[in-house]
Protein backbone atom coordinates (compact mmCIF):
# COMPACT_ATOMS: atom_id res chain seq x y z
CA MET A 1 6.58 24.65 -1.14
CA ALA A 2 6.69 21.40 -3.10
CA LYS A 3 5.46 17.92 -2.23
CA LYS A 4 5.49 14.46 -3.74
CA SER A 5 2.38 13.22 -5.49
CA GLU A 6 1.45 9.90 -7.11
CA GLN A 7 4.29 7.91 -5.55
CA THR A 8 4.94 4.49 -7.05
CA THR A 9 7.41 1.74 -6.21
CA LYS A 10 8.69 -1.16 -8.32
CA LEU A 11 10.65 -4.16 -7.15
CA VAL A 12 13.27 -5.18 -9.72
CA LEU A 13 14.99 -8.55 -9.82
CA LYS A 14 18.17 -8.82 -11.87
CA VAL A 15 18.63 -12.44 -12.95
CA VAL A 16 21.58 -14.19 -14.57
CA THR A 17 20.39 -15.80 -17.80
CA GLY A 18 23.72 -17.14 -19.01
CA GLN A 19 27.22 -16.20 -20.02
CA LYS A 20 28.36 -14.24 -23.08
CA ALA A 21 31.17 -15.36 -25.36
CA ASP A 22 33.56 -12.90 -23.68
CA GLY A 23 32.88 -14.46 -20.28
CA THR A 24 30.67 -11.72 -18.82
CA LEU A 25 27.30 -12.61 -17.37
CA SER A 26 24.17 -12.13 -19.40
CA THR A 27 21.38 -10.66 -17.27
CA ALA A 28 17.73 -9.72 -17.54
CA GLN A 29 15.38 -7.81 -15.29
CA ARG A 30 12.01 -8.77 -13.87
CA ALA A 31 9.93 -5.82 -12.61
CA PHE A 32 7.04 -6.05 -10.18
CA ALA A 33 5.05 -2.80 -10.13
CA GLY A 34 2.45 -1.76 -7.62
CA MET A 35 4.53 -2.21 -4.49
CA ASN A 36 3.48 -0.10 -1.51
CA PRO A 37 5.82 2.94 -1.36
CA ALA A 38 5.67 2.79 2.45
CA LEU A 39 7.45 -0.59 2.52
CA ALA A 40 10.86 -0.53 4.18
CA ASP A 41 13.92 -1.59 2.18
CA GLU A 42 14.17 -4.72 4.34
CA ASP A 43 10.62 -5.67 3.32
CA ILE A 44 11.40 -5.14 -0.37
CA LEU A 45 14.50 -7.33 0.00
CA SER A 46 12.52 -10.05 1.76
CA ILE A 47 9.80 -10.05 -0.91
CA GLY A 48 12.42 -9.96 -3.67
CA THR A 49 14.27 -12.90 -2.17
CA LYS A 50 11.07 -14.94 -1.99
CA LEU A 51 10.09 -14.04 -5.56
CA GLY A 52 13.63 -14.85 -6.64
CA ALA A 53 13.25 -18.38 -5.30
CA LEU A 54 10.42 -18.85 -7.81
CA GLN A 55 12.53 -17.72 -10.78
CA ARG A 56 14.09 -20.10 -13.25
CA TYR A 57 17.38 -18.17 -13.16
CA GLU A 58 19.68 -17.19 -10.29
CA VAL A 59 19.01 -13.75 -8.80
CA ALA A 60 22.01 -11.43 -9.02
CA ALA A 61 20.39 -8.43 -7.31
CA VAL A 62 17.19 -7.12 -5.79
CA GLY A 63 16.43 -3.49 -6.53
CA ARG A 64 13.87 -0.86 -5.72
CA THR A 65 12.73 1.95 -8.00
CA ASP A 66 10.72 4.78 -6.46
CA SER A 67 9.14 7.50 -8.54
CA ALA A 68 6.85 10.44 -7.83
CA GLN A 69 5.64 13.65 -9.34
CA ILE A 70 6.60 16.88 -7.60
CA VAL A 71 3.78 19.42 -7.34
CA ALA A 72 3.39 22.81 -5.71
CA GLU A 73 1.32 22.98 -2.54
């Protein structure tokens, strides 16, 4: 049997930093590590929206990245 170990969660904001010569948007990411893995997606979105309001650039997306090691029990 396997189980997850050392779970971590990052909140990722994708921000629009400008426009390229070909007309596509130029973006960058802002990552906030150390989020509680037990947080619901709605909570991550709420936190991301509030952090986005503090950013210099417009937020294009709020993302969540979960990672864990899988170990044998």
